[in-house]
Amino acid sequence: QVQLEESGGGLVQAGGSLKLSCAATRRTYNTYSLGWFRQALGKERELIAAIVWSGGSTYYADWVKGRFTISRDIIKNTIHLQMNSLNPEDTAVYYCAASHSSLVGPYDYWGQGTQVTVSS
């Protein structure tokens, strides 16, 4: 089973930036893609962006609109989500997840999440 651990969340003012990280350990040889999701209070969990581990192909939700960028560090088995121009609507728990099969899922393994709070 892949184990995932997110870090980098916190409190940021509107217009600011954060960079999230997700370290992947155990069973990474079975991982096809890694993705970032978020879930705000009272809302469904949303796929933000995903990246194919081997080839680097990416997927972004249409609403990202260039504000977020996903990247990977192959040596460290880590992915990142650079988030710019944050607004209060971005407040959510952000999750890292791994898929064995497809860039758009299903995603099989999940981290514990990291809270991002954007103040206005």
N, C-alpha and C. Protein backbone atom coordinates (compact mmCIF):
# COMPACT_ATOMS: atom_id res chain seq x y z
N GLN A 1 0.83 -1.18 0.00
CA GLN A 1 0.00 0.00 0.00
C GLN A 1 0.88 1.25 0.00
N VAL A 2 0.55 2.20 -0.87
CA VAL A 2 1.25 3.47 -0.91
C VAL A 2 0.89 4.28 0.33
N GLN A 3 1.89 4.90 0.94
CA GLN A 3 1.65 5.80 2.05
C GLN A 3 2.01 7.22 1.61
N LEU A 4 1.13 8.16 1.91
CA LEU A 4 1.26 9.53 1.46
C LEU A 4 1.16 10.47 2.65
N GLU A 5 1.99 11.50 2.64
CA GLU A 5 1.97 12.47 3.72
C GLU A 5 2.10 13.87 3.16
N GLU A 6 1.07 14.68 3.38
CA GLU A 6 1.06 16.05 2.91
C GLU A 6 1.69 16.98 3.95
N SER A 7 2.22 18.09 3.45
CA SER A 7 2.74 19.13 4.32
C SER A 7 2.67 20.46 3.58
N GLY A 8 2.82 21.55 4.31
CA GLY A 8 2.88 22.86 3.71
C GLY A 8 1.64 23.70 3.85
N GLY A 9 0.57 23.14 4.40
CA GLY A 9 -0.63 23.92 4.60
C GLY A 9 -0.46 24.93 5.72
N GLY A 10 -1.44 25.81 5.84
CA GLY A 10 -1.39 26.82 6.87
C GLY A 10 -2.32 27.96 6.57
N LEU A 11 -2.07 29.07 7.23
CA LEU A 11 -2.87 30.28 7.08
C LEU A 11 -2.14 31.28 6.19
N VAL A 12 -2.85 31.81 5.22
CA VAL A 12 -2.27 32.77 4.30
C VAL A 12 -3.30 33.85 3.99
N GLN A 13 -2.85 35.06 3.74
CA GLN A 13 -3.75 36.15 3.39
C GLN A 13 -4.16 36.06 1.92
N ALA A 14 -5.32 36.60 1.61
CA ALA A 14 -5.80 36.62 0.24
C ALA A 14 -4.75 37.26 -0.67
N GLY A 15 -4.56 36.65 -1.83
CA GLY A 15 -3.55 37.11 -2.76
C GLY A 15 -2.20 36.47 -2.58
N GLY A 16 -2.02 35.75 -1.50
CA GLY A 16 -0.74 35.13 -1.21
C GLY A 16 -0.57 33.78 -1.87
N SER A 17 0.53 33.12 -1.51
CA SER A 17 0.89 31.85 -2.12
C SER A 17 1.27 30.82 -1.07
N LEU A 18 1.08 29.56 -1.41
CA LEU A 18 1.53 28.44 -0.60
C LEU A 18 2.03 27.35 -1.53
N LYS A 19 2.97 26.56 -1.04
CA LYS A 19 3.45 25.40 -1.78
C LYS A 19 3.25 24.16 -0.91
N LEU A 20 2.40 23.26 -1.38
CA LEU A 20 2.15 22.02 -0.69
C LEU A 20 3.08 20.93 -1.20
N SER A 21 3.41 20.00 -0.32
CA SER A 21 4.25 18.87 -0.70
C SER A 21 3.59 17.58 -0.27
N CYS A 22 3.86 16.52 -0.99
CA CYS A 22 3.35 15.19 -0.67
C CYS A 22 4.46 14.19 -0.90
N ALA A 23 4.90 13.55 0.18
CA ALA A 23 5.91 12.51 0.10
C ALA A 23 5.24 11.15 0.00
N ALA A 24 5.66 10.37 -0.97
CA ALA A 24 5.08 9.05 -1.22
C ALA A 24 6.09 7.97 -0.87
N THR A 25 5.67 7.04 -0.02
CA THR A 25 6.50 5.90 0.36
C THR A 25 5.70 4.62 0.27
N ARG A 26 6.40 3.51 0.18
CA ARG A 26 5.80 2.17 0.12
C ARG A 26 4.92 1.97 -1.11
N ARG A 27 5.25 0.93 -1.86
CA ARG A 27 4.47 0.52 -3.02
C ARG A 27 4.42 1.57 -4.13
N THR A 28 5.37 2.46 -4.15
CA THR A 28 5.39 3.47 -5.20
C THR A 28 5.58 2.86 -6.58
N TYR A 29 6.09 1.66 -6.64
CA TYR A 29 6.26 0.98 -7.92
C TYR A 29 4.93 0.65 -8.58
N ASN A 30 3.85 0.68 -7.81
CA ASN A 30 2.51 0.44 -8.35
C ASN A 30 1.78 1.73 -8.72
N THR A 31 2.41 2.87 -8.53
CA THR A 31 1.74 4.14 -8.73
C THR A 31 1.88 4.61 -10.17
N TYR A 32 0.74 4.89 -10.81
CA TYR A 32 0.73 5.44 -12.15
C TYR A 32 0.70 6.97 -12.11
N SER A 33 -0.16 7.52 -11.26
CA SER A 33 -0.27 8.96 -11.16
C SER A 33 -0.51 9.38 -9.72
N LEU A 34 -0.17 10.62 -9.43
CA LEU A 34 -0.45 11.23 -8.14
C LEU A 34 -1.25 12.49 -8.37
N GLY A 35 -2.19 12.75 -7.48
CA GLY A 35 -3.06 13.89 -7.66
C GLY A 35 -3.27 14.68 -6.39
N TRP A 36 -3.66 15.93 -6.57
CA TRP A 36 -4.06 16.80 -5.48
C TRP A 36 -5.57 17.02 -5.54
N PHE A 37 -6.20 16.85 -4.39
CA PHE A 37 -7.63 17.09 -4.23
C PHE A 37 -7.83 18.10 -3.11
N ARG A 38 -9.03 18.67 -3.06
CA ARG A 38 -9.39 19.50 -1.92
C ARG A 38 -10.86 19.31 -1.60
N GLN A 39 -11.19 19.56 -0.34
CA GLN A 39 -12.57 19.48 0.10
C GLN A 39 -12.84 20.61 1.09
N ALA A 40 -13.70 21.52 0.69
CA ALA A 40 -14.14 22.60 1.56
C ALA A 40 -15.32 22.12 2.39
N LEU A 41 -15.57 22.78 3.50
CA LEU A 41 -16.68 22.42 4.36
C LEU A 41 -17.99 22.47 3.59
N GLY A 42 -18.76 21.40 3.67
CA GLY A 42 -20.05 21.35 3.01
C GLY A 42 -20.01 21.11 1.52
N LYS A 43 -18.84 20.85 0.96
CA LYS A 43 -18.71 20.64 -0.47
C LYS A 43 -18.07 19.30 -0.78
N GLU A 44 -18.22 18.85 -2.01
CA GLU A 44 -17.65 17.59 -2.44
C GLU A 44 -16.14 17.73 -2.64
N ARG A 45 -15.46 16.61 -2.52
CA ARG A 45 -14.03 16.58 -2.79
C ARG A 45 -13.79 16.76 -4.29
N GLU A 46 -12.84 17.62 -4.63
CA GLU A 46 -12.57 17.97 -6.02
C GLU A 46 -11.15 17.61 -6.40
N LEU A 47 -10.99 17.07 -7.60
CA LEU A 47 -9.66 16.88 -8.17
C LEU A 47 -9.15 18.21 -8.69
N ILE A 48 -7.98 18.61 -8.22
CA ILE A 48 -7.38 19.87 -8.64
C ILE A 48 -6.45 19.65 -9.82
N ALA A 49 -5.51 18.76 -9.64
CA ALA A 49 -4.49 18.50 -10.65
C ALA A 49 -3.88 17.14 -10.39
N ALA A 50 -3.35 16.52 -11.44
CA ALA A 50 -2.71 15.22 -11.31
C ALA A 50 -1.54 15.14 -12.27
N ILE A 51 -0.61 14.24 -11.97
CA ILE A 51 0.58 14.09 -12.79
C ILE A 51 0.94 12.62 -12.93
N VAL A 52 1.25 12.20 -14.14
CA VAL A 52 1.74 10.84 -14.39
C VAL A 52 3.17 10.77 -13.90
N TRP A 53 3.45 9.81 -13.03
CA TRP A 53 4.75 9.78 -12.38
C TRP A 53 5.89 9.59 -13.36
N SER A 54 5.75 8.66 -14.27
CA SER A 54 6.82 8.33 -15.19
C SER A 54 7.01 9.38 -16.27
N GLY A 55 5.95 9.74 -16.96
CA GLY A 55 6.06 10.61 -18.11
C GLY A 55 5.87 12.09 -17.85
N GLY A 56 5.23 12.44 -16.73
CA GLY A 56 5.05 13.83 -16.39
C GLY A 56 3.84 14.51 -16.99
N SER A 57 3.00 13.78 -17.73
CA SER A 57 1.78 14.38 -18.26
C SER A 57 0.90 14.86 -17.12
N THR A 58 0.21 15.97 -17.34
CA THR A 58 -0.57 16.57 -16.27
C THR A 58 -2.02 16.75 -16.66
N TYR A 59 -2.84 16.85 -15.65
CA TYR A 59 -4.25 17.19 -15.79
C TYR A 59 -4.55 18.31 -14.81
N TYR A 60 -5.34 19.29 -15.25
CA TYR A 60 -5.81 20.35 -14.38
C TYR A 60 -7.30 20.52 -14.53
N ALA A 61 -7.98 20.72 -13.41
CA ALA A 61 -9.37 21.10 -13.47
C ALA A 61 -9.49 22.45 -14.16
N ASP A 62 -10.57 22.64 -14.91
CA ASP A 62 -10.74 23.88 -15.66
C ASP A 62 -10.73 25.11 -14.77
N TRP A 63 -11.25 24.98 -13.58
CA TRP A 63 -11.37 26.14 -12.71
C TRP A 63 -10.04 26.60 -12.10
N VAL A 64 -8.99 25.79 -12.27
CA VAL A 64 -7.69 26.20 -11.76
C VAL A 64 -7.23 27.50 -12.40
N LYS A 65 -7.45 27.64 -13.70
CA LYS A 65 -7.19 28.87 -14.44
C LYS A 65 -5.76 29.38 -14.28
N GLY A 66 -4.80 28.48 -14.24
CA GLY A 66 -3.41 28.86 -14.20
C GLY A 66 -2.87 29.24 -12.85
N ARG A 67 -3.68 29.25 -11.82
CA ARG A 67 -3.22 29.67 -10.50
C ARG A 67 -2.40 28.61 -9.78
N PHE A 68 -2.65 27.34 -10.09
CA PHE A 68 -1.98 26.24 -9.41
C PHE A 68 -1.12 25.47 -10.40
N THR A 69 0.01 24.97 -9.92
CA THR A 69 0.90 24.18 -10.75
C THR A 69 1.34 22.94 -10.00
N ILE A 70 1.19 21.77 -10.63
CA ILE A 70 1.64 20.53 -10.04
C ILE A 70 3.00 20.16 -10.62
N SER A 71 3.86 19.61 -9.79
CA SER A 71 5.17 19.18 -10.24
C SER A 71 5.61 17.97 -9.44
N ARG A 72 6.68 17.32 -9.90
CA ARG A 72 7.17 16.14 -9.21
C ARG A 72 8.68 16.20 -9.06
N ASP A 73 9.16 15.58 -8.00
CA ASP A 73 10.58 15.40 -7.75
C ASP A 73 10.81 13.89 -7.73
N ILE A 74 11.34 13.36 -8.81
CA ILE A 74 11.47 11.91 -8.94
C ILE A 74 12.43 11.34 -7.90
N ILE A 75 13.51 12.03 -7.65
CA ILE A 75 14.52 11.54 -6.71
C ILE A 75 13.94 11.38 -5.31
N LYS A 76 13.11 12.34 -4.90
CA LYS A 76 12.56 12.34 -3.55
C LYS A 76 11.18 11.72 -3.45
N ASN A 77 10.66 11.17 -4.54
CA ASN A 77 9.31 10.59 -4.54
C ASN A 77 8.28 11.56 -3.95
N THR A 78 8.32 12.77 -4.44
CA THR A 78 7.50 13.83 -3.89
C THR A 78 6.82 14.61 -5.00
N ILE A 79 5.58 15.02 -4.76
CA ILE A 79 4.92 15.96 -5.65
C ILE A 79 4.62 17.24 -4.89
N HIS A 80 4.45 18.31 -5.65
CA HIS A 80 4.18 19.62 -5.07
C HIS A 80 2.99 20.25 -5.75
N LEU A 81 2.34 21.13 -5.04
CA LEU A 81 1.30 21.97 -5.61
C LEU A 81 1.61 23.40 -5.25
N GLN A 82 2.05 24.17 -6.24
CA GLN A 82 2.29 25.59 -6.04
C GLN A 82 0.98 26.34 -6.26
N MET A 83 0.54 27.07 -5.26
CA MET A 83 -0.73 27.78 -5.31
C MET A 83 -0.47 29.27 -5.18
N ASN A 84 -0.92 30.02 -6.18
CA ASN A 84 -0.75 31.47 -6.20
C ASN A 84 -2.10 32.15 -6.25
N SER A 85 -2.10 33.44 -5.95
CA SER A 85 -3.32 34.25 -6.00
C SER A 85 -4.46 33.60 -5.24
N LEU A 86 -4.18 33.17 -4.04
CA LEU A 86 -5.19 32.47 -3.25
C LEU A 86 -6.28 33.43 -2.79
N ASN A 87 -7.48 32.90 -2.69
CA ASN A 87 -8.62 33.66 -2.20
C ASN A 87 -9.35 32.83 -1.15
N PRO A 88 -10.25 33.45 -0.39
CA PRO A 88 -10.92 32.69 0.68
C PRO A 88 -11.66 31.45 0.20
N GLU A 89 -12.09 31.43 -1.04
CA GLU A 89 -12.79 30.27 -1.59
C GLU A 89 -11.86 29.06 -1.74
N ASP A 90 -10.57 29.28 -1.64
CA ASP A 90 -9.61 28.18 -1.70
C ASP A 90 -9.43 27.50 -0.34
N THR A 91 -10.06 28.02 0.69
CA THR A 91 -9.97 27.41 2.01
C THR A 91 -10.56 26.01 1.97
N ALA A 92 -9.77 25.02 2.35
CA ALA A 92 -10.19 23.63 2.28
C ALA A 92 -9.11 22.75 2.90
N VAL A 93 -9.46 21.48 3.08
CA VAL A 93 -8.46 20.48 3.37
C VAL A 93 -7.94 19.95 2.04
N TYR A 94 -6.64 19.95 1.88
CA TYR A 94 -6.02 19.50 0.64
C TYR A 94 -5.41 18.12 0.84
N TYR A 95 -5.71 17.22 -0.09
CA TYR A 95 -5.29 15.84 0.00
C TYR A 95 -4.41 15.45 -1.17
N CYS A 96 -3.47 14.58 -0.92
CA CYS A 96 -2.68 13.92 -1.94
C CYS A 96 -3.20 12.50 -2.10
N ALA A 97 -3.25 12.00 -3.33
CA ALA A 97 -3.75 10.65 -3.57
C ALA A 97 -2.98 10.00 -4.71
N ALA A 98 -2.98 8.67 -4.71
CA ALA A 98 -2.27 7.88 -5.71
C ALA A 98 -3.25 6.98 -6.46
N SER A 99 -3.05 6.88 -7.76
CA SER A 99 -3.83 6.00 -8.61
C SER A 99 -2.94 4.95 -9.24
N HIS A 100 -3.44 3.73 -9.31
CA HIS A 100 -2.72 2.66 -9.99
C HIS A 100 -2.97 2.66 -11.49
N SER A 101 -3.98 3.40 -11.95
CA SER A 101 -4.49 3.12 -13.29
C SER A 101 -4.62 4.29 -14.24
N SER A 102 -4.99 5.49 -13.75
CA SER A 102 -5.37 6.55 -14.67
C SER A 102 -5.12 7.92 -14.06
N LEU A 103 -4.85 8.88 -14.93
CA LEU A 103 -4.62 10.26 -14.51
C LEU A 103 -5.86 10.84 -13.83
N VAL A 104 -7.03 10.42 -14.25
CA VAL A 104 -8.27 10.94 -13.68
C VAL A 104 -8.91 9.97 -12.70
N GLY A 105 -8.21 8.96 -12.31
CA GLY A 105 -8.68 8.04 -11.30
C GLY A 105 -9.15 6.71 -11.85
N PRO A 106 -9.67 5.85 -10.98
CA PRO A 106 -9.88 6.11 -9.55
C PRO A 106 -8.57 6.24 -8.77
N TYR A 107 -8.65 7.01 -7.71
CA TYR A 107 -7.52 7.17 -6.82
C TYR A 107 -7.69 6.25 -5.63
N ASP A 108 -6.69 5.44 -5.38
CA ASP A 108 -6.79 4.30 -4.48
C ASP A 108 -6.29 4.56 -3.07
N TYR A 109 -5.31 5.42 -2.93
CA TYR A 109 -4.68 5.66 -1.64
C TYR A 109 -4.62 7.15 -1.38
N TRP A 110 -4.82 7.51 -0.11
CA TRP A 110 -4.97 8.91 0.27
C TRP A 110 -4.10 9.26 1.46
N GLY A 111 -3.62 10.50 1.47
CA GLY A 111 -2.97 11.03 2.64
C GLY A 111 -3.99 11.53 3.64
N GLN A 112 -3.50 12.06 4.74
CA GLN A 112 -4.39 12.50 5.82
C GLN A 112 -4.96 13.89 5.59
N GLY A 113 -4.39 14.64 4.68
CA GLY A 113 -4.85 15.98 4.39
C GLY A 113 -4.10 17.05 5.15
N THR A 114 -4.05 18.24 4.58
CA THR A 114 -3.46 19.39 5.24
C THR A 114 -4.38 20.59 5.05
N GLN A 115 -4.61 21.33 6.11
CA GLN A 115 -5.56 22.44 6.08
C GLN A 115 -4.92 23.67 5.47
N VAL A 116 -5.63 24.27 4.52
CA VAL A 116 -5.26 25.56 3.95
C VAL A 116 -6.37 26.54 4.27
N THR A 117 -6.03 27.63 4.92
CA THR A 117 -7.00 28.66 5.26
C THR A 117 -6.53 29.99 4.68
N VAL A 118 -7.39 30.62 3.90
CA VAL A 118 -7.08 31.89 3.27
C VAL A 118 -7.97 32.96 3.89
N SER A 119 -7.35 33.96 4.49
CA SER A 119 -8.08 35.03 5.15
C SER A 119 -8.23 36.23 4.22
N SER A 120 -9.28 37.00 4.43
CA SER A 120 -9.54 38.18 3.63
C SER A 120 -9.41 39.44 4.44
